[in-house]
Amino acid sequence: MAEEKEKIEVPAKFKKLVEEIEQMSVIDLAELVKVLEEKFGVSAAPAVAAPTAAPAPAGEAAEEKTAFNVVLTGVGDKKIDVIKVLRDITQTGLKEAKDMVDAAEKAPQTVKEGVKKEEAEDMKKKFEAAGAKVELK
């Protein structure tokens, strides 16, 4: 792994910042990511490019939507069960899942983007079994 670090060349203007980040704990890094996401209105989650469809000729029906966003809109009474389902689906840690569930109590939270219809329906069933409210967009 040390060989990989030697291959990565950090520009001089970022050296100090990279050195400081290397010294941080995983918990501090997770907190830093959250702060940056909130400050700049971005997400560190990998962007999923939705397939683009060619415009349908006039008179033809529009194609059925194939990619869905799973949005957690309500938590319900079984908050712990919802956190467990969220952790299972997103493969995130306990703190991240709890934070997202807490945020979903105030405003809808996108759990996953660009998901196939079958997978999205399966996620929705799991959340609803735990008492949460979910929308597929």
N, C-alpha and C. Protein backbone atom coordinates (compact mmCIF):
# COMPACT_ATOMS: atom_id res chain seq x y z
N MET A 1 0.82 -1.19 0.00
CA MET A 1 0.00 0.00 0.00
C MET A 1 0.86 1.25 0.00
N ALA A 2 2.05 1.16 0.58
CA ALA A 2 2.95 2.31 0.60
C ALA A 2 3.36 2.66 -0.81
N GLU A 3 3.45 1.68 -1.69
CA GLU A 3 3.80 1.95 -3.08
C GLU A 3 2.73 2.80 -3.75
N GLU A 4 1.45 2.52 -3.42
CA GLU A 4 0.36 3.29 -4.01
C GLU A 4 0.45 4.76 -3.60
N LYS A 5 0.80 5.01 -2.35
CA LYS A 5 0.89 6.40 -1.88
C LYS A 5 2.00 7.14 -2.62
N GLU A 6 3.08 6.44 -2.94
CA GLU A 6 4.18 7.09 -3.64
C GLU A 6 3.79 7.46 -5.07
N LYS A 7 2.90 6.70 -5.68
CA LYS A 7 2.47 6.96 -7.05
C LYS A 7 1.60 8.20 -7.16
N ILE A 8 0.87 8.51 -6.08
CA ILE A 8 -0.03 9.67 -6.09
C ILE A 8 0.79 10.91 -5.81
N GLU A 9 0.78 11.83 -6.77
CA GLU A 9 1.52 13.07 -6.59
C GLU A 9 0.56 14.19 -6.24
N VAL A 10 0.73 14.75 -5.07
CA VAL A 10 -0.14 15.81 -4.59
C VAL A 10 0.46 17.14 -4.99
N PRO A 11 -0.33 17.98 -5.67
CA PRO A 11 0.18 19.31 -6.04
C PRO A 11 0.59 20.08 -4.79
N ALA A 12 1.59 20.91 -4.94
CA ALA A 12 2.15 21.67 -3.81
C ALA A 12 1.09 22.47 -3.07
N LYS A 13 0.13 23.03 -3.80
CA LYS A 13 -0.87 23.87 -3.15
C LYS A 13 -1.81 23.07 -2.23
N PHE A 14 -1.85 21.73 -2.37
CA PHE A 14 -2.72 20.90 -1.54
C PHE A 14 -1.95 20.08 -0.51
N LYS A 15 -0.62 20.13 -0.52
CA LYS A 15 0.18 19.27 0.36
C LYS A 15 -0.18 19.44 1.83
N LYS A 16 -0.27 20.67 2.30
CA LYS A 16 -0.56 20.92 3.71
C LYS A 16 -1.94 20.37 4.07
N LEU A 17 -2.92 20.61 3.22
CA LEU A 17 -4.28 20.14 3.46
C LEU A 17 -4.33 18.61 3.49
N VAL A 18 -3.67 17.96 2.55
CA VAL A 18 -3.65 16.50 2.51
C VAL A 18 -2.96 15.94 3.75
N GLU A 19 -1.88 16.56 4.19
CA GLU A 19 -1.19 16.11 5.40
C GLU A 19 -2.10 16.21 6.62
N GLU A 20 -2.87 17.29 6.71
CA GLU A 20 -3.78 17.45 7.84
C GLU A 20 -4.88 16.40 7.79
N ILE A 21 -5.40 16.11 6.62
CA ILE A 21 -6.45 15.11 6.47
C ILE A 21 -5.92 13.73 6.83
N GLU A 22 -4.69 13.43 6.46
CA GLU A 22 -4.10 12.13 6.78
C GLU A 22 -4.01 11.90 8.29
N GLN A 23 -3.91 12.97 9.06
CA GLN A 23 -3.78 12.85 10.51
C GLN A 23 -5.13 12.71 11.22
N MET A 24 -6.23 12.90 10.50
CA MET A 24 -7.56 12.88 11.12
C MET A 24 -8.06 11.46 11.32
N SER A 25 -8.91 11.28 12.33
CA SER A 25 -9.54 9.98 12.56
C SER A 25 -10.70 9.82 11.58
N VAL A 26 -11.18 8.60 11.45
CA VAL A 26 -12.29 8.30 10.54
C VAL A 26 -13.53 9.07 10.97
N ILE A 27 -13.75 9.17 12.25
CA ILE A 27 -14.92 9.89 12.76
C ILE A 27 -14.83 11.37 12.40
N ASP A 28 -13.64 11.95 12.56
CA ASP A 28 -13.46 13.36 12.20
C ASP A 28 -13.64 13.56 10.69
N LEU A 29 -13.15 12.61 9.90
CA LEU A 29 -13.32 12.71 8.45
C LEU A 29 -14.79 12.66 8.06
N ALA A 30 -15.56 11.77 8.69
CA ALA A 30 -16.99 11.69 8.41
C ALA A 30 -17.68 13.00 8.75
N GLU A 31 -17.29 13.61 9.87
CA GLU A 31 -17.86 14.89 10.28
C GLU A 31 -17.48 15.99 9.28
N LEU A 32 -16.23 15.96 8.82
CA LEU A 32 -15.77 16.94 7.84
C LEU A 32 -16.57 16.82 6.55
N VAL A 33 -16.81 15.60 6.11
CA VAL A 33 -17.59 15.38 4.89
C VAL A 33 -18.99 15.98 5.05
N LYS A 34 -19.63 15.74 6.19
CA LYS A 34 -20.97 16.28 6.43
C LYS A 34 -20.95 17.82 6.40
N VAL A 35 -19.95 18.41 7.03
CA VAL A 35 -19.85 19.87 7.05
C VAL A 35 -19.69 20.41 5.63
N LEU A 36 -18.83 19.77 4.84
CA LEU A 36 -18.62 20.21 3.46
C LEU A 36 -19.87 20.03 2.61
N GLU A 37 -20.57 18.92 2.82
CA GLU A 37 -21.82 18.68 2.08
C GLU A 37 -22.83 19.78 2.38
N GLU A 38 -22.98 20.13 3.66
CA GLU A 38 -23.95 21.16 4.05
C GLU A 38 -23.52 22.53 3.56
N LYS A 39 -22.23 22.85 3.71
CA LYS A 39 -21.72 24.17 3.33
C LYS A 39 -21.88 24.44 1.84
N PHE A 40 -21.57 23.41 1.01
CA PHE A 40 -21.58 23.62 -0.43
C PHE A 40 -22.79 23.01 -1.13
N GLY A 41 -23.67 22.39 -0.37
CA GLY A 41 -24.89 21.85 -0.96
C GLY A 41 -24.62 20.70 -1.92
N VAL A 42 -23.64 19.87 -1.60
CA VAL A 42 -23.30 18.74 -2.47
C VAL A 42 -23.38 17.45 -1.66
N SER A 43 -23.20 16.33 -2.35
CA SER A 43 -23.22 15.04 -1.68
C SER A 43 -21.97 14.27 -2.06
N ALA A 44 -21.39 13.57 -1.07
CA ALA A 44 -20.20 12.76 -1.33
C ALA A 44 -20.59 11.40 -1.90
N ALA A 45 -21.89 11.11 -1.95
CA ALA A 45 -22.34 9.84 -2.52
C ALA A 45 -22.02 9.83 -4.02
N PRO A 46 -21.64 8.67 -4.54
CA PRO A 46 -21.32 8.61 -5.96
C PRO A 46 -22.55 8.96 -6.80
N ALA A 47 -22.33 9.77 -7.79
CA ALA A 47 -23.42 10.17 -8.67
C ALA A 47 -23.75 9.02 -9.61
N VAL A 48 -25.02 8.75 -9.76
CA VAL A 48 -25.46 7.69 -10.66
C VAL A 48 -26.08 8.36 -11.87
N ALA A 49 -25.49 8.13 -13.02
CA ALA A 49 -26.01 8.73 -14.23
C ALA A 49 -27.24 7.96 -14.69
N ALA A 50 -28.35 8.64 -14.78
CA ALA A 50 -29.57 8.00 -15.24
C ALA A 50 -29.50 7.85 -16.75
N PRO A 51 -29.97 6.73 -17.26
CA PRO A 51 -29.94 6.56 -18.71
C PRO A 51 -30.83 7.60 -19.38
N THR A 52 -30.36 8.15 -20.46
CA THR A 52 -31.15 9.16 -21.16
C THR A 52 -31.84 8.50 -22.36
N ALA A 53 -33.08 8.83 -22.52
CA ALA A 53 -33.85 8.25 -23.62
C ALA A 53 -33.95 9.27 -24.75
N ALA A 54 -33.92 8.76 -25.96
CA ALA A 54 -34.09 9.64 -27.12
C ALA A 54 -35.54 10.11 -27.13
N PRO A 55 -35.78 11.33 -27.59
CA PRO A 55 -37.16 11.81 -27.60
C PRO A 55 -38.01 10.93 -28.53
N ALA A 56 -39.22 10.60 -28.06
CA ALA A 56 -40.11 9.74 -28.85
C ALA A 56 -40.72 10.57 -29.97
N PRO A 57 -40.85 9.95 -31.14
CA PRO A 57 -41.51 10.66 -32.24
C PRO A 57 -42.94 11.02 -31.84
N ALA A 58 -43.47 12.08 -32.43
CA ALA A 58 -44.81 12.54 -32.10
C ALA A 58 -45.82 11.42 -32.30
N GLY A 59 -46.75 11.29 -31.34
CA GLY A 59 -47.79 10.28 -31.46
C GLY A 59 -47.47 9.00 -30.71
N GLU A 60 -46.20 8.75 -30.36
CA GLU A 60 -45.86 7.53 -29.62
C GLU A 60 -45.91 7.82 -28.12
N ALA A 61 -46.21 6.79 -27.35
CA ALA A 61 -46.28 6.94 -25.90
C ALA A 61 -44.86 7.07 -25.34
N ALA A 62 -44.73 7.81 -24.26
CA ALA A 62 -43.42 7.97 -23.63
C ALA A 62 -42.98 6.64 -23.02
N GLU A 63 -41.66 6.40 -22.99
CA GLU A 63 -41.15 5.17 -22.42
C GLU A 63 -41.41 5.12 -20.93
N GLU A 64 -41.56 3.88 -20.41
CA GLU A 64 -41.76 3.71 -18.98
C GLU A 64 -40.47 4.06 -18.25
N LYS A 65 -40.61 4.73 -17.13
CA LYS A 65 -39.45 5.13 -16.34
C LYS A 65 -38.74 3.88 -15.81
N THR A 66 -37.40 3.85 -15.93
CA THR A 66 -36.65 2.67 -15.50
C THR A 66 -35.76 2.95 -14.30
N ALA A 67 -35.45 4.20 -14.01
CA ALA A 67 -34.60 4.54 -12.88
C ALA A 67 -35.39 5.37 -11.89
N PHE A 68 -35.32 4.98 -10.63
CA PHE A 68 -36.10 5.65 -9.60
C PHE A 68 -35.19 6.13 -8.47
N ASN A 69 -35.64 7.17 -7.79
CA ASN A 69 -34.99 7.64 -6.57
C ASN A 69 -35.85 7.17 -5.41
N VAL A 70 -35.23 6.56 -4.41
CA VAL A 70 -35.94 6.10 -3.22
C VAL A 70 -35.81 7.20 -2.18
N VAL A 71 -36.95 7.78 -1.78
CA VAL A 71 -36.96 8.93 -0.87
C VAL A 71 -37.69 8.56 0.42
N LEU A 72 -37.00 8.67 1.54
CA LEU A 72 -37.58 8.41 2.86
C LEU A 72 -38.32 9.67 3.29
N THR A 73 -39.66 9.57 3.39
CA THR A 73 -40.46 10.75 3.70
C THR A 73 -40.97 10.79 5.13
N GLY A 74 -40.98 9.64 5.80
CA GLY A 74 -41.44 9.60 7.18
C GLY A 74 -40.84 8.40 7.88
N VAL A 75 -40.67 8.49 9.19
CA VAL A 75 -39.99 7.44 9.94
C VAL A 75 -40.97 6.53 10.67
N GLY A 76 -42.02 7.08 11.25
CA GLY A 76 -42.97 6.26 12.00
C GLY A 76 -42.51 6.01 13.42
N ASP A 77 -43.12 5.02 14.07
CA ASP A 77 -42.85 4.75 15.49
C ASP A 77 -41.63 3.87 15.72
N LYS A 78 -41.26 3.08 14.72
CA LYS A 78 -40.16 2.11 14.89
C LYS A 78 -38.86 2.66 14.30
N LYS A 79 -38.35 3.72 14.89
CA LYS A 79 -37.18 4.41 14.38
C LYS A 79 -35.96 3.48 14.30
N ILE A 80 -35.75 2.65 15.29
CA ILE A 80 -34.60 1.75 15.31
C ILE A 80 -34.67 0.76 14.15
N ASP A 81 -35.88 0.24 13.88
CA ASP A 81 -36.04 -0.69 12.76
C ASP A 81 -35.75 0.00 11.43
N VAL A 82 -36.16 1.25 11.31
CA VAL A 82 -35.90 2.01 10.08
C VAL A 82 -34.40 2.22 9.91
N ILE A 83 -33.70 2.52 11.00
CA ILE A 83 -32.24 2.69 10.95
C ILE A 83 -31.58 1.39 10.49
N LYS A 84 -32.05 0.26 11.01
CA LYS A 84 -31.49 -1.04 10.61
C LYS A 84 -31.69 -1.28 9.11
N VAL A 85 -32.88 -1.00 8.60
CA VAL A 85 -33.15 -1.19 7.18
C VAL A 85 -32.27 -0.26 6.35
N LEU A 86 -32.16 0.99 6.78
CA LEU A 86 -31.34 1.97 6.05
C LEU A 86 -29.88 1.53 6.00
N ARG A 87 -29.36 1.05 7.12
CA ARG A 87 -27.96 0.57 7.16
C ARG A 87 -27.78 -0.60 6.20
N ASP A 88 -28.76 -1.50 6.17
CA ASP A 88 -28.67 -2.67 5.30
C ASP A 88 -28.68 -2.25 3.83
N ILE A 89 -29.54 -1.33 3.49
CA ILE A 89 -29.68 -0.91 2.08
C ILE A 89 -28.50 -0.08 1.62
N THR A 90 -28.05 0.86 2.44
CA THR A 90 -27.01 1.80 2.01
C THR A 90 -25.60 1.37 2.39
N GLN A 91 -25.50 0.34 3.22
CA GLN A 91 -24.19 -0.12 3.69
C GLN A 91 -23.40 0.99 4.39
N THR A 92 -24.13 1.79 5.18
CA THR A 92 -23.49 2.88 5.93
C THR A 92 -23.36 2.49 7.40
N GLY A 93 -22.65 3.30 8.12
CA GLY A 93 -22.46 3.07 9.54
C GLY A 93 -23.68 3.50 10.34
N LEU A 94 -23.67 3.15 11.60
CA LEU A 94 -24.80 3.46 12.48
C LEU A 94 -25.05 4.96 12.58
N LYS A 95 -23.99 5.74 12.77
CA LYS A 95 -24.15 7.19 12.93
C LYS A 95 -24.74 7.83 11.67
N GLU A 96 -24.22 7.44 10.51
CA GLU A 96 -24.71 8.01 9.25
C GLU A 96 -26.18 7.66 9.04
N ALA A 97 -26.54 6.39 9.31
CA ALA A 97 -27.93 5.96 9.14
C ALA A 97 -28.83 6.70 10.12
N LYS A 98 -28.40 6.83 11.37
CA LYS A 98 -29.21 7.53 12.38
C LYS A 98 -29.39 9.00 12.00
N ASP A 99 -28.31 9.62 11.52
CA ASP A 99 -28.41 11.03 11.11
C ASP A 99 -29.40 11.20 9.97
N MET A 100 -29.38 10.26 9.01
CA MET A 100 -30.30 10.38 7.87
C MET A 100 -31.75 10.17 8.32
N VAL A 101 -31.97 9.22 9.22
CA VAL A 101 -33.32 8.97 9.74
C VAL A 101 -33.80 10.19 10.54
N ASP A 102 -32.91 10.75 11.36
CA ASP A 102 -33.28 11.97 12.11
C ASP A 102 -33.65 13.10 11.15
N ALA A 103 -32.88 13.25 10.08
CA ALA A 103 -33.15 14.30 9.09
C ALA A 103 -34.47 14.03 8.36
N ALA A 104 -34.80 12.75 8.15
CA ALA A 104 -36.03 12.39 7.45
C ALA A 104 -37.27 12.74 8.27
N GLU A 105 -37.09 12.88 9.57
CA GLU A 105 -38.21 13.30 10.40
C GLU A 105 -38.58 14.75 10.13
N LYS A 106 -37.62 15.53 9.65
CA LYS A 106 -37.84 16.95 9.37
C LYS A 106 -38.16 17.21 7.91
N ALA A 107 -37.47 16.51 7.01
CA ALA A 107 -37.64 16.73 5.58
C ALA A 107 -37.31 15.42 4.84
N PRO A 108 -37.92 15.18 3.69
CA PRO A 108 -37.64 13.95 2.93
C PRO A 108 -36.15 13.82 2.61
N GLN A 109 -35.64 12.59 2.69
CA GLN A 109 -34.23 12.30 2.43
C GLN A 109 -34.12 11.25 1.32
N THR A 110 -33.29 11.52 0.32
CA THR A 110 -33.07 10.56 -0.75
C THR A 110 -32.12 9.49 -0.25
N VAL A 111 -32.58 8.24 -0.28
CA VAL A 111 -31.79 7.11 0.20
C VAL A 111 -30.88 6.61 -0.91
N LYS A 112 -31.44 6.39 -2.09
CA LYS A 112 -30.65 5.94 -3.25
C LYS A 112 -31.23 6.57 -4.50
N GLU A 113 -30.35 6.81 -5.47
CA GLU A 113 -30.76 7.41 -6.74
C GLU A 113 -30.48 6.46 -7.88
N GLY A 114 -31.28 6.55 -8.94
CA GLY A 114 -31.04 5.78 -10.15
C GLY A 114 -31.18 4.28 -9.96
N VAL A 115 -32.15 3.86 -9.15
CA VAL A 115 -32.33 2.45 -8.83
C VAL A 115 -33.35 1.84 -9.79
N LYS A 116 -33.12 0.59 -10.20
CA LYS A 116 -34.07 -0.11 -11.06
C LYS A 116 -35.39 -0.29 -10.32
N LYS A 117 -36.46 -0.39 -11.09
CA LYS A 117 -37.81 -0.44 -10.53
C LYS A 117 -37.96 -1.58 -9.52
N GLU A 118 -37.49 -2.78 -9.85
CA GLU A 118 -37.65 -3.93 -8.96
C GLU A 118 -36.92 -3.70 -7.63
N GLU A 119 -35.70 -3.19 -7.73
CA GLU A 119 -34.90 -2.93 -6.53
C GLU A 119 -35.56 -1.83 -5.68
N ALA A 120 -36.07 -0.80 -6.33
CA ALA A 120 -36.73 0.30 -5.63
C ALA A 120 -37.98 -0.20 -4.90
N GLU A 121 -38.77 -1.05 -5.57
CA GLU A 121 -39.97 -1.61 -4.94
C GLU A 121 -39.60 -2.46 -3.73
N ASP A 122 -38.51 -3.24 -3.85
CA ASP A 122 -38.05 -4.08 -2.75
C ASP A 122 -37.64 -3.22 -1.55
N MET A 123 -36.90 -2.12 -1.82
CA MET A 123 -36.49 -1.21 -0.75
C MET A 123 -37.72 -0.60 -0.07
N LYS A 124 -38.69 -0.21 -0.90
CA LYS A 124 -39.90 0.41 -0.36
C LYS A 124 -40.62 -0.56 0.58
N LYS A 125 -40.71 -1.83 0.18
CA LYS A 125 -41.37 -2.84 1.02
C LYS A 125 -40.64 -3.01 2.35
N LYS A 126 -39.30 -3.03 2.31
CA LYS A 126 -38.52 -3.19 3.54
C LYS A 126 -38.75 -2.01 4.49
N PHE A 127 -38.74 -0.80 3.93
CA PHE A 127 -38.96 0.38 4.77
C PHE A 127 -40.37 0.39 5.35
N GLU A 128 -41.35 0.06 4.51
CA GLU A 128 -42.73 0.07 4.99
C GLU A 128 -42.96 -1.00 6.05
N ALA A 129 -42.28 -2.14 5.94
CA ALA A 129 -42.37 -3.19 6.96
C ALA A 129 -41.82 -2.69 8.30
N ALA A 130 -40.86 -1.75 8.23
CA ALA A 130 -40.27 -1.18 9.45
C ALA A 130 -41.09 0.02 9.96
N GLY A 131 -42.15 0.39 9.23
CA GLY A 131 -43.02 1.47 9.67
C GLY A 131 -42.72 2.82 9.04
N ALA A 132 -41.79 2.86 8.08
CA ALA A 132 -41.44 4.14 7.45
C ALA A 132 -42.32 4.42 6.24
N LYS A 133 -42.32 5.67 5.83
CA LYS A 133 -43.03 6.07 4.61
C LYS A 133 -42.00 6.39 3.54
N VAL A 134 -42.20 5.83 2.34
CA VAL A 134 -41.21 5.98 1.27
C VAL A 134 -41.94 6.35 -0.02
N GLU A 135 -41.30 7.18 -0.82
CA GLU A 135 -41.80 7.53 -2.15
C GLU A 135 -40.76 7.12 -3.18
N LEU A 136 -41.24 6.70 -4.33
CA LEU A 136 -40.37 6.41 -5.46
C LEU A 136 -40.58 7.52 -6.47
N LYS A 137 -39.52 8.21 -6.79
CA LYS A 137 -39.62 9.35 -7.74
C LYS A 137 -38.82 9.06 -8.97
